[in-house]
């Protein structure tokens, strides 16, 4: 049986591979993208997400494919065990948080919009979906936008970013469960679809 443990060597291999492909996602972006796909209501074929992440590398080395599969497995295990931890903290550089959020919103946007506009979805669940998604996507804003906002409302930017990071961490833990509830309640999916 294959061991799908995601190792430090896998992380380095993927970081190097992605950095060498100018149009590919960064590793931080890939982690956010895979998190959103895994939490989402639509099953996405491995070939499709590899294609999207790699900017259409159809000749990917087997070792790179395996490393991506191990990363996907690690994130899936954490999500469905209810103990997902964002790969960054309040002390991480802004760029790491930004890249993760950009990857997240890239994968979440299609199902977010479909579910949010479903007529059957209650207003309470629409609001829960919107708040959770916006919080996880918060760092997709540029750092200059956040700085400008903090100046406008006269708040300490470091404290504000710490609060936003902590909130994102809390929302990430239950995002998959929220998506399952809102997807079923929307009438677009049933319990047997993709969950």
N, C-alpha and C. Protein backbone atom coordinates (compact mmCIF):
# COMPACT_ATOMS: atom_id res chain seq x y z
N UNK A 1 0.84 -1.19 0.00
CA UNK A 1 0.00 0.00 0.00
C UNK A 1 0.88 1.25 0.00
N UNK A 2 0.49 2.26 -0.76
CA UNK A 2 1.26 3.49 -0.85
C UNK A 2 1.12 4.31 0.43
N UNK A 3 2.20 4.95 0.82
CA UNK A 3 2.19 5.85 1.97
C UNK A 3 2.02 7.27 1.44
N UNK A 4 0.89 7.88 1.76
CA UNK A 4 0.59 9.22 1.26
C UNK A 4 0.96 10.31 2.26
N UNK A 5 1.89 10.04 3.16
CA UNK A 5 2.34 11.07 4.10
C UNK A 5 3.05 12.18 3.34
N UNK A 6 2.67 13.40 3.65
CA UNK A 6 3.29 14.56 3.01
C UNK A 6 4.52 14.93 3.82
N UNK A 7 5.68 14.85 3.20
CA UNK A 7 6.96 15.03 3.90
C UNK A 7 7.59 16.38 3.57
N UNK A 8 8.63 16.70 4.30
CA UNK A 8 9.42 17.91 4.04
C UNK A 8 10.01 17.84 2.63
N UNK A 9 10.40 16.65 2.22
CA UNK A 9 10.95 16.47 0.87
C UNK A 9 9.89 16.76 -0.19
N UNK A 10 8.65 16.32 0.06
CA UNK A 10 7.56 16.63 -0.87
C UNK A 10 7.35 18.14 -0.96
N UNK A 11 7.36 18.78 0.19
CA UNK A 11 7.15 20.23 0.24
C UNK A 11 8.21 20.96 -0.59
N UNK A 12 9.45 20.58 -0.43
CA UNK A 12 10.54 21.20 -1.19
C UNK A 12 10.41 20.91 -2.69
N UNK A 13 10.09 19.66 -3.02
CA UNK A 13 9.91 19.28 -4.42
C UNK A 13 8.82 20.13 -5.07
N UNK A 14 7.68 20.28 -4.39
CA UNK A 14 6.58 21.06 -4.95
C UNK A 14 6.92 22.54 -5.03
N UNK A 15 7.56 23.07 -4.00
CA UNK A 15 7.93 24.49 -4.01
C UNK A 15 8.88 24.77 -5.18
N UNK A 16 9.86 23.91 -5.38
CA UNK A 16 10.81 24.08 -6.49
C UNK A 16 10.12 23.92 -7.84
N UNK A 17 9.27 22.90 -7.96
CA UNK A 17 8.55 22.65 -9.21
C UNK A 17 7.68 23.86 -9.57
N UNK A 18 6.89 24.33 -8.61
CA UNK A 18 5.97 25.43 -8.89
C UNK A 18 6.72 26.73 -9.17
N UNK A 19 7.81 26.97 -8.47
CA UNK A 19 8.60 28.18 -8.69
C UNK A 19 9.21 28.20 -10.09
N UNK A 20 9.48 27.03 -10.64
CA UNK A 20 10.08 26.93 -11.97
C UNK A 20 9.07 27.14 -13.10
N UNK A 21 7.78 27.13 -12.78
CA UNK A 21 6.73 27.31 -13.79
C UNK A 21 6.08 28.67 -13.57
N UNK A 22 6.39 29.61 -14.42
CA UNK A 22 5.98 31.00 -14.21
C UNK A 22 4.47 31.20 -14.10
N UNK A 23 3.69 30.40 -14.76
CA UNK A 23 2.24 30.56 -14.74
C UNK A 23 1.55 29.69 -13.68
N UNK A 24 2.31 28.84 -13.02
CA UNK A 24 1.73 27.94 -12.02
C UNK A 24 1.43 28.69 -10.73
N UNK A 25 0.58 28.08 -9.91
CA UNK A 25 0.31 28.62 -8.58
C UNK A 25 1.55 28.45 -7.71
N UNK A 26 1.68 29.29 -6.71
CA UNK A 26 2.73 29.09 -5.71
C UNK A 26 2.29 27.94 -4.79
N UNK A 27 3.18 27.46 -3.96
CA UNK A 27 2.81 26.39 -3.03
C UNK A 27 1.77 26.88 -2.03
N UNK A 28 1.92 28.10 -1.53
CA UNK A 28 0.93 28.64 -0.60
C UNK A 28 -0.44 28.75 -1.28
N UNK A 29 -0.46 29.21 -2.52
CA UNK A 29 -1.71 29.31 -3.27
C UNK A 29 -2.31 27.93 -3.49
N UNK A 30 -1.47 26.96 -3.80
CA UNK A 30 -1.92 25.59 -4.01
C UNK A 30 -2.61 25.04 -2.77
N UNK A 31 -2.05 25.32 -1.60
CA UNK A 31 -2.64 24.84 -0.35
C UNK A 31 -4.02 25.44 -0.12
N UNK A 32 -4.20 26.72 -0.40
CA UNK A 32 -5.51 27.34 -0.28
C UNK A 32 -6.49 26.80 -1.29
N UNK A 33 -6.01 26.60 -2.50
CA UNK A 33 -6.83 26.07 -3.59
C UNK A 33 -7.32 24.66 -3.25
N UNK A 34 -6.41 23.81 -2.80
CA UNK A 34 -6.80 22.44 -2.46
C UNK A 34 -7.75 22.41 -1.26
N UNK A 35 -7.53 23.27 -0.28
CA UNK A 35 -8.44 23.35 0.86
C UNK A 35 -9.86 23.65 0.38
N UNK A 36 -10.01 24.66 -0.48
CA UNK A 36 -11.34 25.02 -0.97
C UNK A 36 -11.96 23.91 -1.81
N UNK A 37 -11.16 23.25 -2.65
CA UNK A 37 -11.68 22.13 -3.44
C UNK A 37 -12.15 20.99 -2.55
N UNK A 38 -11.36 20.66 -1.56
CA UNK A 38 -11.68 19.55 -0.66
C UNK A 38 -12.95 19.86 0.13
N UNK A 39 -13.12 21.09 0.55
CA UNK A 39 -14.31 21.48 1.30
C UNK A 39 -15.54 21.60 0.41
N UNK A 40 -15.34 21.80 -0.86
CA UNK A 40 -16.43 22.08 -1.78
C UNK A 40 -17.34 20.91 -2.08
N UNK A 41 -18.52 21.22 -2.61
CA UNK A 41 -19.51 20.18 -2.89
C UNK A 41 -19.30 19.44 -4.20
N UNK A 42 -18.40 19.91 -5.04
CA UNK A 42 -18.19 19.29 -6.34
C UNK A 42 -16.93 18.43 -6.34
N UNK A 43 -17.07 17.20 -6.74
CA UNK A 43 -15.88 16.35 -6.88
C UNK A 43 -15.10 16.83 -8.10
N UNK A 44 -13.82 17.05 -7.92
CA UNK A 44 -12.97 17.51 -9.02
C UNK A 44 -11.92 16.44 -9.27
N UNK A 45 -11.82 16.00 -10.50
CA UNK A 45 -10.86 14.97 -10.87
C UNK A 45 -9.43 15.44 -10.63
N UNK A 46 -8.59 14.51 -10.24
CA UNK A 46 -7.18 14.80 -9.97
C UNK A 46 -6.54 15.49 -11.17
N UNK A 47 -6.79 14.98 -12.35
CA UNK A 47 -6.19 15.56 -13.55
C UNK A 47 -6.56 17.02 -13.71
N UNK A 48 -7.79 17.37 -13.35
CA UNK A 48 -8.24 18.75 -13.50
C UNK A 48 -7.52 19.69 -12.53
N UNK A 49 -7.46 19.30 -11.24
CA UNK A 49 -6.80 20.23 -10.31
C UNK A 49 -5.28 20.26 -10.53
N UNK A 50 -4.68 19.16 -10.97
CA UNK A 50 -3.26 19.21 -11.31
C UNK A 50 -3.02 20.15 -12.49
N UNK A 51 -3.90 20.08 -13.46
CA UNK A 51 -3.83 20.95 -14.64
C UNK A 51 -3.93 22.42 -14.21
N UNK A 52 -4.90 22.72 -13.34
CA UNK A 52 -5.11 24.10 -12.90
C UNK A 52 -3.91 24.63 -12.10
N UNK A 53 -3.43 23.83 -11.17
CA UNK A 53 -2.32 24.25 -10.31
C UNK A 53 -1.04 24.44 -11.11
N UNK A 54 -0.77 23.53 -12.02
CA UNK A 54 0.51 23.53 -12.74
C UNK A 54 0.52 24.40 -13.99
N UNK A 55 -0.57 25.06 -14.28
CA UNK A 55 -0.68 25.84 -15.52
C UNK A 55 -0.52 24.92 -16.73
N UNK A 56 -1.25 23.82 -16.68
CA UNK A 56 -1.38 22.89 -17.81
C UNK A 56 -0.12 22.10 -18.15
N UNK A 57 0.59 21.64 -17.14
CA UNK A 57 1.76 20.78 -17.38
C UNK A 57 1.27 19.35 -17.55
N UNK A 58 1.16 18.92 -18.78
CA UNK A 58 0.68 17.56 -19.06
C UNK A 58 1.81 16.54 -19.05
N UNK A 59 3.02 16.97 -18.80
CA UNK A 59 4.18 16.07 -18.74
C UNK A 59 4.83 16.10 -17.37
N UNK A 60 4.02 16.21 -16.35
CA UNK A 60 4.51 16.30 -14.98
C UNK A 60 5.19 15.00 -14.57
N UNK A 61 6.34 15.12 -13.93
CA UNK A 61 7.07 13.95 -13.44
C UNK A 61 6.23 13.22 -12.39
N UNK A 62 6.36 11.91 -12.39
CA UNK A 62 5.60 11.06 -11.45
C UNK A 62 5.86 11.44 -9.99
N UNK A 63 7.08 11.82 -9.67
CA UNK A 63 7.40 12.19 -8.28
C UNK A 63 6.65 13.45 -7.86
N UNK A 64 6.44 14.37 -8.80
CA UNK A 64 5.70 15.60 -8.52
C UNK A 64 4.22 15.28 -8.35
N UNK A 65 3.69 14.43 -9.21
CA UNK A 65 2.29 14.00 -9.08
C UNK A 65 2.07 13.37 -7.72
N UNK A 66 2.96 12.47 -7.32
CA UNK A 66 2.83 11.81 -6.03
C UNK A 66 2.89 12.82 -4.88
N UNK A 67 3.77 13.80 -4.98
CA UNK A 67 3.87 14.82 -3.93
C UNK A 67 2.58 15.65 -3.84
N UNK A 68 1.99 15.99 -4.99
CA UNK A 68 0.71 16.69 -4.98
C UNK A 68 -0.38 15.82 -4.35
N UNK A 69 -0.38 14.55 -4.68
CA UNK A 69 -1.37 13.63 -4.11
C UNK A 69 -1.20 13.54 -2.59
N UNK A 70 0.04 13.52 -2.12
CA UNK A 70 0.30 13.46 -0.68
C UNK A 70 -0.17 14.74 0.00
N UNK A 71 0.03 15.88 -0.63
CA UNK A 71 -0.45 17.15 -0.07
C UNK A 71 -1.97 17.15 -0.01
N UNK A 72 -2.62 16.73 -1.08
CA UNK A 72 -4.08 16.65 -1.11
C UNK A 72 -4.58 15.73 0.00
N UNK A 73 -3.93 14.60 0.17
CA UNK A 73 -4.31 13.64 1.20
C UNK A 73 -4.16 14.26 2.60
N UNK A 74 -3.06 14.95 2.83
CA UNK A 74 -2.83 15.57 4.14
C UNK A 74 -3.93 16.59 4.47
N UNK A 75 -4.23 17.44 3.52
CA UNK A 75 -5.27 18.46 3.74
C UNK A 75 -6.62 17.79 3.95
N UNK A 76 -6.95 16.78 3.14
CA UNK A 76 -8.22 16.05 3.29
C UNK A 76 -8.35 15.44 4.67
N UNK A 77 -7.29 14.78 5.11
CA UNK A 77 -7.31 14.15 6.44
C UNK A 77 -7.58 15.18 7.53
N UNK A 78 -6.91 16.31 7.45
CA UNK A 78 -7.10 17.35 8.46
C UNK A 78 -8.51 17.93 8.40
N UNK A 79 -9.00 18.20 7.21
CA UNK A 79 -10.34 18.79 7.05
C UNK A 79 -11.40 17.86 7.62
N UNK A 80 -11.36 16.60 7.24
CA UNK A 80 -12.43 15.69 7.63
C UNK A 80 -12.29 15.14 9.04
N UNK A 81 -11.12 15.34 9.65
CA UNK A 81 -10.95 15.02 11.07
C UNK A 81 -11.35 16.22 11.93
N UNK A 82 -11.63 17.35 11.28
CA UNK A 82 -12.05 18.54 12.01
C UNK A 82 -10.91 19.27 12.69
N UNK A 83 -9.68 19.01 12.28
CA UNK A 83 -8.55 19.68 12.92
C UNK A 83 -7.65 20.40 11.91
N UNK A 84 -8.24 20.92 10.86
CA UNK A 84 -7.46 21.64 9.86
C UNK A 84 -6.84 22.89 10.50
N UNK A 85 -5.58 23.08 10.23
CA UNK A 85 -4.86 24.27 10.67
C UNK A 85 -4.37 25.01 9.43
N UNK A 86 -4.63 26.29 9.37
CA UNK A 86 -4.09 27.07 8.26
C UNK A 86 -2.58 26.92 8.22
N UNK A 87 -1.98 26.92 7.04
CA UNK A 87 -0.53 26.75 6.95
C UNK A 87 0.25 28.03 7.28
N UNK A 88 -0.44 28.99 7.86
CA UNK A 88 0.19 30.24 8.29
C UNK A 88 -0.44 30.68 9.60
N UNK A 89 0.22 31.61 10.27
CA UNK A 89 -0.28 32.14 11.53
C UNK A 89 -0.30 33.66 11.46
N UNK A 90 -0.70 34.28 12.55
CA UNK A 90 -0.71 35.74 12.62
C UNK A 90 0.70 36.30 12.50
N UNK A 91 1.69 35.48 12.73
CA UNK A 91 3.08 35.94 12.66
C UNK A 91 3.73 35.66 11.30
N UNK A 92 3.01 35.00 10.41
CA UNK A 92 3.54 34.72 9.07
C UNK A 92 3.57 36.02 8.26
N UNK A 93 4.43 36.04 7.26
CA UNK A 93 4.48 37.23 6.41
C UNK A 93 3.17 37.35 5.64
N UNK A 94 2.84 38.59 5.28
CA UNK A 94 1.57 38.86 4.62
C UNK A 94 1.45 38.08 3.31
N UNK A 95 2.54 37.96 2.58
CA UNK A 95 2.51 37.30 1.28
C UNK A 95 2.04 35.85 1.38
N UNK A 96 2.46 35.13 2.42
CA UNK A 96 2.02 33.74 2.60
C UNK A 96 0.52 33.68 2.80
N UNK A 97 0.00 34.57 3.63
CA UNK A 97 -1.44 34.61 3.88
C UNK A 97 -2.18 35.02 2.61
N UNK A 98 -1.61 36.00 1.91
CA UNK A 98 -2.23 36.49 0.67
C UNK A 98 -2.32 35.37 -0.36
N UNK A 99 -1.22 34.66 -0.58
CA UNK A 99 -1.21 33.60 -1.59
C UNK A 99 -2.21 32.49 -1.24
N UNK A 100 -2.28 32.10 0.03
CA UNK A 100 -3.23 31.06 0.44
C UNK A 100 -4.66 31.52 0.15
N UNK A 101 -4.98 32.75 0.52
CA UNK A 101 -6.33 33.26 0.32
C UNK A 101 -6.69 33.39 -1.16
N UNK A 102 -5.73 33.77 -1.99
CA UNK A 102 -5.98 33.85 -3.43
C UNK A 102 -6.29 32.45 -3.98
N UNK A 103 -5.51 31.46 -3.56
CA UNK A 103 -5.80 30.09 -3.98
C UNK A 103 -7.16 29.62 -3.49
N UNK A 104 -7.47 29.95 -2.24
CA UNK A 104 -8.76 29.58 -1.66
C UNK A 104 -9.91 30.16 -2.48
N UNK A 105 -9.89 31.45 -2.72
CA UNK A 105 -11.02 32.08 -3.40
C UNK A 105 -11.11 31.63 -4.85
N UNK A 106 -9.98 31.31 -5.46
CA UNK A 106 -9.99 30.80 -6.84
C UNK A 106 -10.82 29.52 -6.93
N UNK A 107 -10.64 28.62 -5.99
CA UNK A 107 -11.37 27.35 -6.02
C UNK A 107 -12.77 27.47 -5.44
N UNK A 108 -12.97 28.36 -4.47
CA UNK A 108 -14.27 28.46 -3.80
C UNK A 108 -15.29 29.28 -4.59
N UNK A 109 -14.83 30.23 -5.38
CA UNK A 109 -15.72 31.16 -6.07
C UNK A 109 -16.85 30.48 -6.85
N UNK A 110 -16.59 29.47 -7.67
CA UNK A 110 -17.69 28.88 -8.44
C UNK A 110 -18.81 28.29 -7.56
N UNK A 111 -18.46 27.51 -6.55
CA UNK A 111 -19.54 26.95 -5.73
C UNK A 111 -20.11 27.97 -4.76
N UNK A 112 -19.32 28.92 -4.32
CA UNK A 112 -19.81 29.98 -3.44
C UNK A 112 -20.93 30.75 -4.14
N UNK A 113 -20.68 31.18 -5.37
CA UNK A 113 -21.68 31.96 -6.10
C UNK A 113 -22.93 31.14 -6.40
N UNK A 114 -22.76 29.89 -6.79
CA UNK A 114 -23.91 29.04 -7.10
C UNK A 114 -24.78 28.83 -5.87
N UNK A 115 -24.16 28.53 -4.75
CA UNK A 115 -24.92 28.28 -3.52
C UNK A 115 -25.54 29.57 -3.00
N UNK A 116 -24.79 30.65 -3.00
CA UNK A 116 -25.28 31.91 -2.45
C UNK A 116 -26.50 32.44 -3.20
N UNK A 117 -26.59 32.17 -4.48
CA UNK A 117 -27.72 32.67 -5.27
C UNK A 117 -28.88 31.67 -5.35
N UNK A 118 -28.75 30.53 -4.69
CA UNK A 118 -29.84 29.54 -4.70
C UNK A 118 -31.04 30.09 -3.93
N UNK A 119 -32.21 30.03 -4.56
CA UNK A 119 -33.41 30.58 -3.95
C UNK A 119 -33.82 29.86 -2.67
N UNK A 120 -33.55 28.55 -2.60
CA UNK A 120 -33.99 27.77 -1.44
C UNK A 120 -33.15 28.01 -0.19
N UNK A 121 -31.96 28.55 -0.32
CA UNK A 121 -31.06 28.72 0.82
C UNK A 121 -31.59 29.82 1.74
N UNK A 122 -31.69 29.51 3.02
CA UNK A 122 -32.20 30.48 3.99
C UNK A 122 -31.24 31.66 4.11
N UNK A 123 -31.79 32.80 4.50
CA UNK A 123 -30.96 34.00 4.67
C UNK A 123 -29.91 33.80 5.74
N UNK A 124 -30.24 33.07 6.78
CA UNK A 124 -29.28 32.80 7.86
C UNK A 124 -28.08 32.02 7.34
N UNK A 125 -28.34 31.00 6.52
CA UNK A 125 -27.24 30.22 5.97
C UNK A 125 -26.47 30.99 4.90
N UNK A 126 -27.17 31.84 4.14
CA UNK A 126 -26.47 32.69 3.17
C UNK A 126 -25.48 33.59 3.90
N UNK A 127 -25.94 34.16 5.00
CA UNK A 127 -25.06 35.05 5.77
C UNK A 127 -23.87 34.28 6.35
N UNK A 128 -24.13 33.09 6.87
CA UNK A 128 -23.03 32.27 7.43
C UNK A 128 -22.01 31.93 6.34
N UNK A 129 -22.49 31.56 5.17
CA UNK A 129 -21.60 31.25 4.05
C UNK A 129 -20.80 32.47 3.63
N UNK A 130 -21.47 33.60 3.53
CA UNK A 130 -20.79 34.81 3.09
C UNK A 130 -19.73 35.24 4.10
N UNK A 131 -20.05 35.23 5.38
CA UNK A 131 -19.10 35.65 6.40
C UNK A 131 -17.88 34.72 6.43
N UNK A 132 -18.12 33.42 6.41
CA UNK A 132 -17.01 32.45 6.46
C UNK A 132 -16.11 32.58 5.24
N UNK A 133 -16.71 32.67 4.07
CA UNK A 133 -15.93 32.76 2.83
C UNK A 133 -15.15 34.07 2.77
N UNK A 134 -15.80 35.16 3.14
CA UNK A 134 -15.10 36.44 3.14
C UNK A 134 -13.94 36.45 4.13
N UNK A 135 -14.13 35.80 5.28
CA UNK A 135 -13.04 35.77 6.26
C UNK A 135 -11.85 34.97 5.75
N UNK A 136 -12.13 33.83 5.13
CA UNK A 136 -11.04 33.01 4.60
C UNK A 136 -10.37 33.66 3.39
N UNK A 137 -11.12 34.49 2.69
CA UNK A 137 -10.58 35.19 1.52
C UNK A 137 -10.01 36.57 1.87
N UNK A 138 -10.11 36.96 3.13
CA UNK A 138 -9.71 38.31 3.54
C UNK A 138 -8.31 38.68 3.05
N UNK A 139 -7.36 37.79 3.21
CA UNK A 139 -5.98 38.11 2.87
C UNK A 139 -5.73 38.11 1.36
N UNK A 140 -6.76 37.89 0.56
CA UNK A 140 -6.59 38.06 -0.89
C UNK A 140 -6.50 39.54 -1.24
N UNK A 141 -6.90 40.39 -0.29
CA UNK A 141 -6.70 41.83 -0.47
C UNK A 141 -5.21 42.13 -0.45
N UNK A 142 -4.82 43.15 -1.15
CA UNK A 142 -3.40 43.53 -1.11
C UNK A 142 -3.10 44.14 0.26
N UNK A 143 -1.86 44.06 0.66
CA UNK A 143 -1.48 44.61 1.96
C UNK A 143 -1.71 46.12 1.99
N UNK A 144 -1.53 46.78 0.87
CA UNK A 144 -1.76 48.23 0.82
C UNK A 144 -3.24 48.56 1.05
N UNK A 145 -4.15 47.73 0.56
CA UNK A 145 -5.58 47.94 0.80
C UNK A 145 -5.89 47.83 2.29
N UNK A 146 -5.29 46.85 2.94
CA UNK A 146 -5.52 46.66 4.37
C UNK A 146 -4.93 47.83 5.16
N UNK A 147 -3.73 48.26 4.79
CA UNK A 147 -3.09 49.40 5.46
C UNK A 147 -3.95 50.65 5.34
N UNK A 148 -4.45 50.88 4.14
CA UNK A 148 -5.30 52.05 3.90
C UNK A 148 -6.57 51.98 4.75
N UNK A 149 -7.18 50.80 4.80
CA UNK A 149 -8.39 50.62 5.60
C UNK A 149 -8.11 50.90 7.08
N UNK A 150 -7.02 50.36 7.60
CA UNK A 150 -6.66 50.57 9.01
C UNK A 150 -6.42 52.05 9.31
N UNK A 151 -5.83 52.76 8.36
CA UNK A 151 -5.62 54.20 8.54
C UNK A 151 -6.96 54.93 8.57
N UNK A 152 -7.88 54.52 7.69
CA UNK A 152 -9.19 55.17 7.62
C UNK A 152 -9.98 55.01 8.91
N UNK A 153 -9.90 53.83 9.51
CA UNK A 153 -10.68 53.60 10.73
C UNK A 153 -9.85 53.81 12.00
N UNK A 154 -8.61 54.25 11.80
CA UNK A 154 -7.70 54.57 12.90
C UNK A 154 -7.51 53.39 13.87
N UNK A 155 -7.09 52.25 13.31
CA UNK A 155 -6.81 51.09 14.15
C UNK A 155 -5.39 50.61 13.90
N UNK A 156 -4.85 49.90 14.86
CA UNK A 156 -3.50 49.36 14.76
C UNK A 156 -3.50 48.21 13.75
N UNK A 157 -2.72 48.35 12.70
CA UNK A 157 -2.72 47.35 11.62
C UNK A 157 -2.25 45.98 12.10
N UNK A 158 -1.24 45.94 12.94
CA UNK A 158 -0.73 44.66 13.44
C UNK A 158 -1.79 43.93 14.24
N UNK A 159 -2.49 44.64 15.12
CA UNK A 159 -3.56 44.02 15.91
C UNK A 159 -4.70 43.56 15.00
N UNK A 160 -5.05 44.40 14.03
CA UNK A 160 -6.13 44.05 13.11
C UNK A 160 -5.79 42.79 12.32
N UNK A 161 -4.57 42.70 11.81
CA UNK A 161 -4.15 41.51 11.06
C UNK A 161 -4.11 40.27 11.94
N UNK A 162 -3.71 40.43 13.19
CA UNK A 162 -3.71 39.31 14.12
C UNK A 162 -5.14 38.81 14.33
N UNK A 163 -6.08 39.74 14.53
CA UNK A 163 -7.49 39.36 14.70
C UNK A 163 -8.02 38.65 13.47
N UNK A 164 -7.71 39.18 12.30
CA UNK A 164 -8.19 38.56 11.06
C UNK A 164 -7.61 37.16 10.87
N UNK A 165 -6.35 36.99 11.23
CA UNK A 165 -5.71 35.68 11.13
C UNK A 165 -6.36 34.67 12.07
N UNK A 166 -6.62 35.10 13.29
CA UNK A 166 -7.25 34.21 14.27
C UNK A 166 -8.66 33.83 13.83
N UNK A 167 -9.42 34.80 13.33
CA UNK A 167 -10.77 34.51 12.84
C UNK A 167 -10.73 33.53 11.66
N UNK A 168 -9.81 33.74 10.75
CA UNK A 168 -9.68 32.84 9.60
C UNK A 168 -9.39 31.42 10.07
N UNK A 169 -8.53 31.29 11.06
CA UNK A 169 -8.21 29.97 11.61
C UNK A 169 -9.43 29.28 12.19
N UNK A 170 -10.27 30.03 12.86
CA UNK A 170 -11.50 29.46 13.43
C UNK A 170 -12.48 29.05 12.32
N UNK A 171 -12.66 29.90 11.33
CA UNK A 171 -13.58 29.57 10.24
C UNK A 171 -13.09 28.38 9.42
N UNK A 172 -11.79 28.25 9.27
CA UNK A 172 -11.23 27.15 8.48
C UNK A 172 -11.58 25.80 9.08
N UNK A 173 -11.62 25.72 10.40
CA UNK A 173 -11.89 24.44 11.08
C UNK A 173 -13.26 23.86 10.72
N UNK A 174 -14.25 24.71 10.54
CA UNK A 174 -15.60 24.21 10.27
C UNK A 174 -16.12 24.50 8.88
N UNK A 175 -15.23 24.94 7.99
CA UNK A 175 -15.70 25.35 6.66
C UNK A 175 -16.32 24.20 5.87
N UNK A 176 -15.71 23.03 5.91
CA UNK A 176 -16.25 21.88 5.15
C UNK A 176 -17.65 21.52 5.63
N UNK A 177 -17.86 21.53 6.93
CA UNK A 177 -19.18 21.21 7.48
C UNK A 177 -20.20 22.27 7.07
N UNK A 178 -19.79 23.53 7.09
CA UNK A 178 -20.69 24.60 6.66
C UNK A 178 -21.07 24.41 5.19
N UNK A 179 -20.10 24.13 4.35
CA UNK A 179 -20.38 23.94 2.93
C UNK A 179 -21.35 22.79 2.72
N UNK A 180 -21.17 21.70 3.45
CA UNK A 180 -22.09 20.58 3.32
C UNK A 180 -23.52 20.99 3.68
N UNK A 181 -23.68 21.71 4.77
CA UNK A 181 -25.00 22.15 5.21
C UNK A 181 -25.63 23.09 4.20
N UNK A 182 -24.89 24.11 3.76
CA UNK A 182 -25.48 25.08 2.84
C UNK A 182 -25.72 24.47 1.45
N UNK A 183 -24.87 23.57 1.03
CA UNK A 183 -25.05 22.94 -0.28
C UNK A 183 -26.33 22.12 -0.31
N UNK A 184 -26.56 21.34 0.74
CA UNK A 184 -27.77 20.52 0.82
C UNK A 184 -28.99 21.42 0.97
N UNK A 185 -28.92 22.42 1.86
CA UNK A 185 -30.04 23.32 2.09
C UNK A 185 -30.39 24.13 0.84
N UNK A 186 -29.41 24.39 0.00
CA UNK A 186 -29.64 25.17 -1.22
C UNK A 186 -30.51 24.43 -2.22
N UNK A 187 -30.59 23.11 -2.09
CA UNK A 187 -31.33 22.30 -3.05
C UNK A 187 -30.53 21.96 -4.29
N UNK A 188 -29.32 22.46 -4.39
CA UNK A 188 -28.48 22.18 -5.56
C UNK A 188 -27.80 20.82 -5.46
N UNK A 189 -27.68 20.31 -4.24
CA UNK A 189 -27.01 19.04 -3.99
C UNK A 189 -27.86 18.25 -3.00
N UNK A 190 -27.72 16.93 -3.04
CA UNK A 190 -28.36 16.15 -1.98
C UNK A 190 -27.27 15.46 -1.18
N UNK A 191 -27.67 14.76 -0.13
CA UNK A 191 -26.69 14.13 0.76
C UNK A 191 -25.78 13.15 0.03
N UNK A 192 -26.23 12.62 -1.08
CA UNK A 192 -25.45 11.62 -1.81
C UNK A 192 -24.47 12.25 -2.79
N UNK A 193 -24.67 13.53 -3.11
CA UNK A 193 -23.81 14.22 -4.08
C UNK A 193 -22.47 14.59 -3.46
N UNK A 194 -21.42 14.02 -3.93
CA UNK A 194 -20.04 14.46 -3.66
C UNK A 194 -19.61 14.52 -2.21
N UNK A 195 -20.52 14.29 -1.26
CA UNK A 195 -20.10 14.42 0.14
C UNK A 195 -19.69 13.08 0.68
